[in-house]
Amino acid sequence: MRPLLTIVAVIVLLLIVGVATGFINLSGRGGDMPEVKVEGGALPKVDADVGDVDVGTKNETIQVPTIDVDTAKTDAGEDKDK
């Protein structure tokens, strides 16, 4: 690992020295965006058959079942098996 780090450090140092002395020239000029022309064409045609949904309200009478719950009171110290 250490030799690899040393090699990378030497390469970076050489690049810095090359740019500083003018041996490596990193100047460039700006580019232009390409020109794109689009002509003609049409949107795709789509036929969609969808179902009808009727939304409304109406009053309904619903029978609700009644439930009877019987509870028995017992003492905490009383044995249920008696």
N, C-alpha and C. Protein backbone atom coordinates (compact mmCIF):
# COMPACT_ATOMS: atom_id res chain seq x y z
N MET A 1 0.83 -1.19 0.00
CA MET A 1 0.00 0.00 0.00
C MET A 1 0.87 1.25 0.00
N ARG A 2 1.94 1.21 0.76
CA ARG A 2 2.81 2.37 0.87
C ARG A 2 3.53 2.67 -0.46
N PRO A 3 4.03 1.65 -1.19
CA PRO A 3 4.68 1.96 -2.48
C PRO A 3 3.69 2.58 -3.48
N LEU A 4 2.44 2.12 -3.48
CA LEU A 4 1.44 2.68 -4.38
C LEU A 4 1.17 4.15 -4.05
N LEU A 5 1.08 4.47 -2.77
CA LEU A 5 0.87 5.85 -2.34
C LEU A 5 2.05 6.73 -2.73
N THR A 6 3.24 6.19 -2.64
CA THR A 6 4.45 6.94 -3.02
C THR A 6 4.46 7.21 -4.52
N ILE A 7 4.07 6.21 -5.33
CA ILE A 7 4.03 6.40 -6.78
C ILE A 7 3.00 7.45 -7.17
N VAL A 8 1.84 7.41 -6.57
CA VAL A 8 0.80 8.40 -6.86
C VAL A 8 1.27 9.79 -6.45
N ALA A 9 1.93 9.92 -5.32
CA ALA A 9 2.42 11.22 -4.87
C ALA A 9 3.48 11.76 -5.83
N VAL A 10 4.36 10.91 -6.33
CA VAL A 10 5.40 11.35 -7.28
C VAL A 10 4.76 11.81 -8.58
N ILE A 11 3.76 11.08 -9.07
CA ILE A 11 3.08 11.47 -10.32
C ILE A 11 2.39 12.82 -10.16
N VAL A 12 1.70 13.02 -9.04
CA VAL A 12 1.03 14.30 -8.79
C VAL A 12 2.05 15.42 -8.71
N LEU A 13 3.17 15.18 -8.05
CA LEU A 13 4.22 16.19 -7.94
C LEU A 13 4.78 16.54 -9.32
N LEU A 14 5.02 15.53 -10.17
CA LEU A 14 5.53 15.79 -11.52
C LEU A 14 4.53 16.59 -12.36
N LEU A 15 3.24 16.30 -12.20
CA LEU A 15 2.23 17.07 -12.92
C LEU A 15 2.21 18.53 -12.47
N ILE A 16 2.33 18.76 -11.18
CA ILE A 16 2.35 20.14 -10.67
C ILE A 16 3.56 20.89 -11.20
N VAL A 17 4.71 20.24 -11.18
CA VAL A 17 5.93 20.89 -11.69
C VAL A 17 5.81 21.14 -13.18
N GLY A 18 5.26 20.19 -13.94
CA GLY A 18 5.09 20.36 -15.39
C GLY A 18 4.18 21.52 -15.74
N VAL A 19 3.09 21.68 -15.01
CA VAL A 19 2.17 22.79 -15.26
C VAL A 19 2.80 24.11 -14.85
N ALA A 20 3.52 24.13 -13.73
CA ALA A 20 4.13 25.36 -13.23
C ALA A 20 5.23 25.85 -14.16
N THR A 21 5.97 24.97 -14.78
CA THR A 21 7.07 25.38 -15.66
C THR A 21 6.61 25.62 -17.09
N GLY A 22 5.37 25.27 -17.42
CA GLY A 22 4.88 25.48 -18.77
C GLY A 22 5.14 24.29 -19.68
N PHE A 23 5.73 23.23 -19.18
CA PHE A 23 5.98 22.04 -19.98
C PHE A 23 4.66 21.39 -20.38
N ILE A 24 3.67 21.44 -19.47
CA ILE A 24 2.33 20.94 -19.76
C ILE A 24 1.41 22.14 -19.85
N ASN A 25 0.72 22.28 -20.99
CA ASN A 25 -0.19 23.41 -21.20
C ASN A 25 -1.62 22.88 -21.16
N LEU A 26 -2.37 23.32 -20.18
CA LEU A 26 -3.75 22.87 -20.01
C LEU A 26 -4.76 23.94 -20.43
N SER A 27 -4.42 24.79 -21.36
CA SER A 27 -5.36 25.80 -21.80
C SER A 27 -6.23 25.23 -22.92
N GLY A 28 -7.38 25.75 -23.04
CA GLY A 28 -8.30 25.31 -24.08
C GLY A 28 -9.20 26.46 -24.46
N ARG A 29 -10.04 26.24 -25.42
CA ARG A 29 -10.98 27.29 -25.79
C ARG A 29 -12.39 26.72 -25.67
N GLY A 30 -13.30 27.61 -25.47
CA GLY A 30 -14.68 27.20 -25.25
C GLY A 30 -15.30 26.60 -26.49
N GLY A 31 -16.18 25.69 -26.29
CA GLY A 31 -16.87 25.05 -27.40
C GLY A 31 -18.26 25.63 -27.58
N ASP A 32 -18.91 25.23 -28.63
CA ASP A 32 -20.27 25.67 -28.93
C ASP A 32 -21.22 24.49 -28.81
N MET A 33 -22.44 24.82 -28.47
CA MET A 33 -23.46 23.78 -28.42
C MET A 33 -23.83 23.37 -29.83
N PRO A 34 -24.11 22.13 -30.07
CA PRO A 34 -24.51 21.71 -31.42
C PRO A 34 -25.89 22.25 -31.77
N GLU A 35 -26.11 22.48 -33.03
CA GLU A 35 -27.41 22.95 -33.49
C GLU A 35 -28.28 21.74 -33.83
N VAL A 36 -29.48 21.77 -33.30
CA VAL A 36 -30.40 20.66 -33.53
C VAL A 36 -31.66 21.24 -34.15
N LYS A 37 -32.09 20.67 -35.28
CA LYS A 37 -33.31 21.11 -35.94
C LYS A 37 -34.28 19.94 -35.97
N VAL A 38 -35.51 20.22 -35.54
CA VAL A 38 -36.55 19.20 -35.55
C VAL A 38 -37.68 19.70 -36.42
N GLU A 39 -38.04 18.91 -37.40
CA GLU A 39 -39.13 19.30 -38.30
C GLU A 39 -40.14 18.18 -38.41
N GLY A 40 -41.38 18.57 -38.60
CA GLY A 40 -42.44 17.58 -38.84
C GLY A 40 -42.73 16.74 -37.63
N GLY A 41 -43.33 15.59 -37.91
CA GLY A 41 -43.67 14.67 -36.83
C GLY A 41 -45.08 14.89 -36.34
N ALA A 42 -45.58 13.94 -35.61
CA ALA A 42 -46.93 14.02 -35.06
C ALA A 42 -46.97 13.23 -33.76
N LEU A 43 -47.89 13.62 -32.93
CA LEU A 43 -48.08 12.89 -31.68
C LEU A 43 -48.73 11.54 -31.96
N PRO A 44 -48.47 10.54 -31.15
CA PRO A 44 -49.12 9.25 -31.37
C PRO A 44 -50.61 9.35 -31.07
N LYS A 45 -51.40 8.57 -31.82
CA LYS A 45 -52.85 8.57 -31.62
C LYS A 45 -53.20 7.37 -30.75
N VAL A 46 -53.98 7.64 -29.71
CA VAL A 46 -54.35 6.59 -28.77
C VAL A 46 -55.86 6.62 -28.58
N ASP A 47 -56.48 5.44 -28.75
CA ASP A 47 -57.91 5.31 -28.46
C ASP A 47 -58.04 4.53 -27.17
N ALA A 48 -58.79 5.09 -26.23
CA ALA A 48 -58.96 4.43 -24.94
C ALA A 48 -60.45 4.28 -24.66
N ASP A 49 -60.90 3.04 -24.51
CA ASP A 49 -62.28 2.77 -24.13
C ASP A 49 -62.30 2.50 -22.63
N VAL A 50 -62.91 3.40 -21.90
CA VAL A 50 -62.95 3.25 -20.46
C VAL A 50 -64.41 3.09 -20.03
N GLY A 51 -64.60 2.43 -18.91
CA GLY A 51 -65.94 2.21 -18.39
C GLY A 51 -66.51 3.45 -17.74
N ASP A 52 -67.84 3.47 -17.63
CA ASP A 52 -68.51 4.58 -16.96
C ASP A 52 -68.68 4.26 -15.48
N VAL A 53 -68.47 5.22 -14.65
CA VAL A 53 -68.65 5.06 -13.22
C VAL A 53 -69.71 6.06 -12.78
N ASP A 54 -70.80 5.52 -12.23
CA ASP A 54 -71.88 6.38 -11.72
C ASP A 54 -71.71 6.49 -10.22
N VAL A 55 -71.60 7.70 -9.74
CA VAL A 55 -71.42 7.95 -8.32
C VAL A 55 -72.66 8.66 -7.81
N GLY A 56 -73.23 8.11 -6.75
CA GLY A 56 -74.42 8.73 -6.18
C GLY A 56 -74.60 8.27 -4.74
N THR A 57 -75.67 8.74 -4.13
CA THR A 57 -75.96 8.34 -2.75
C THR A 57 -77.40 7.89 -2.67
N LYS A 58 -77.68 7.00 -1.72
CA LYS A 58 -79.06 6.60 -1.44
C LYS A 58 -79.13 6.17 0.02
N ASN A 59 -80.32 6.26 0.59
CA ASN A 59 -80.53 5.89 1.98
C ASN A 59 -80.90 4.42 2.06
N GLU A 60 -80.27 3.71 2.96
CA GLU A 60 -80.54 2.29 3.17
C GLU A 60 -80.75 2.05 4.66
N THR A 61 -81.59 1.09 4.99
CA THR A 61 -81.79 0.67 6.37
C THR A 61 -81.06 -0.66 6.54
N ILE A 62 -80.17 -0.71 7.50
CA ILE A 62 -79.35 -1.90 7.71
C ILE A 62 -79.69 -2.47 9.07
N GLN A 63 -79.91 -3.79 9.13
CA GLN A 63 -80.19 -4.47 10.38
C GLN A 63 -78.86 -4.78 11.06
N VAL A 64 -78.73 -4.31 12.30
CA VAL A 64 -77.51 -4.54 13.06
C VAL A 64 -77.80 -5.58 14.12
N PRO A 65 -77.02 -6.66 14.21
CA PRO A 65 -77.29 -7.68 15.23
C PRO A 65 -77.00 -7.15 16.63
N THR A 66 -77.75 -7.64 17.58
CA THR A 66 -77.53 -7.26 18.97
C THR A 66 -76.82 -8.41 19.68
N ILE A 67 -75.93 -8.10 20.55
CA ILE A 67 -75.14 -9.09 21.26
C ILE A 67 -75.33 -8.87 22.75
N ASP A 68 -75.67 -9.94 23.47
CA ASP A 68 -75.80 -9.88 24.92
C ASP A 68 -74.55 -10.49 25.54
N VAL A 69 -73.92 -9.75 26.43
CA VAL A 69 -72.73 -10.23 27.10
C VAL A 69 -73.03 -10.33 28.58
N ASP A 70 -72.89 -11.56 29.13
CA ASP A 70 -73.11 -11.76 30.56
C ASP A 70 -71.76 -11.81 31.25
N THR A 71 -71.60 -11.00 32.27
CA THR A 71 -70.35 -11.02 33.03
C THR A 71 -70.65 -11.48 34.44
N ALA A 72 -69.77 -12.28 34.97
CA ALA A 72 -69.93 -12.77 36.35
C ALA A 72 -68.85 -12.14 37.20
N LYS A 73 -69.26 -11.66 38.37
CA LYS A 73 -68.30 -11.04 39.26
C LYS A 73 -67.72 -12.12 40.17
N THR A 74 -66.38 -12.17 40.27
CA THR A 74 -65.72 -13.12 41.17
C THR A 74 -64.68 -12.36 41.96
N ASP A 75 -64.40 -12.88 43.15
CA ASP A 75 -63.36 -12.28 43.97
C ASP A 75 -62.00 -12.77 43.49
N ALA A 76 -60.97 -11.97 43.67
CA ALA A 76 -59.64 -12.34 43.22
C ALA A 76 -59.09 -13.54 43.97
N GLY A 77 -59.48 -13.74 45.23
CA GLY A 77 -58.96 -14.85 46.02
C GLY A 77 -59.79 -16.10 45.88
N GLU A 78 -60.92 -16.04 45.21
CA GLU A 78 -61.81 -17.18 45.10
C GLU A 78 -61.32 -18.15 44.03
N ASP A 79 -61.41 -19.44 44.31
CA ASP A 79 -60.97 -20.47 43.39
C ASP A 79 -62.13 -20.80 42.44
N LYS A 80 -61.90 -20.82 41.15
CA LYS A 80 -62.96 -21.05 40.17
C LYS A 80 -63.36 -22.53 40.06
N ASP A 81 -62.52 -23.44 40.50
CA ASP A 81 -62.79 -24.87 40.35
C ASP A 81 -63.77 -25.40 41.40
N LYS A 82 -64.17 -24.67 42.38
CA LYS A 82 -65.05 -25.14 43.45
C LYS A 82 -66.44 -25.37 42.98
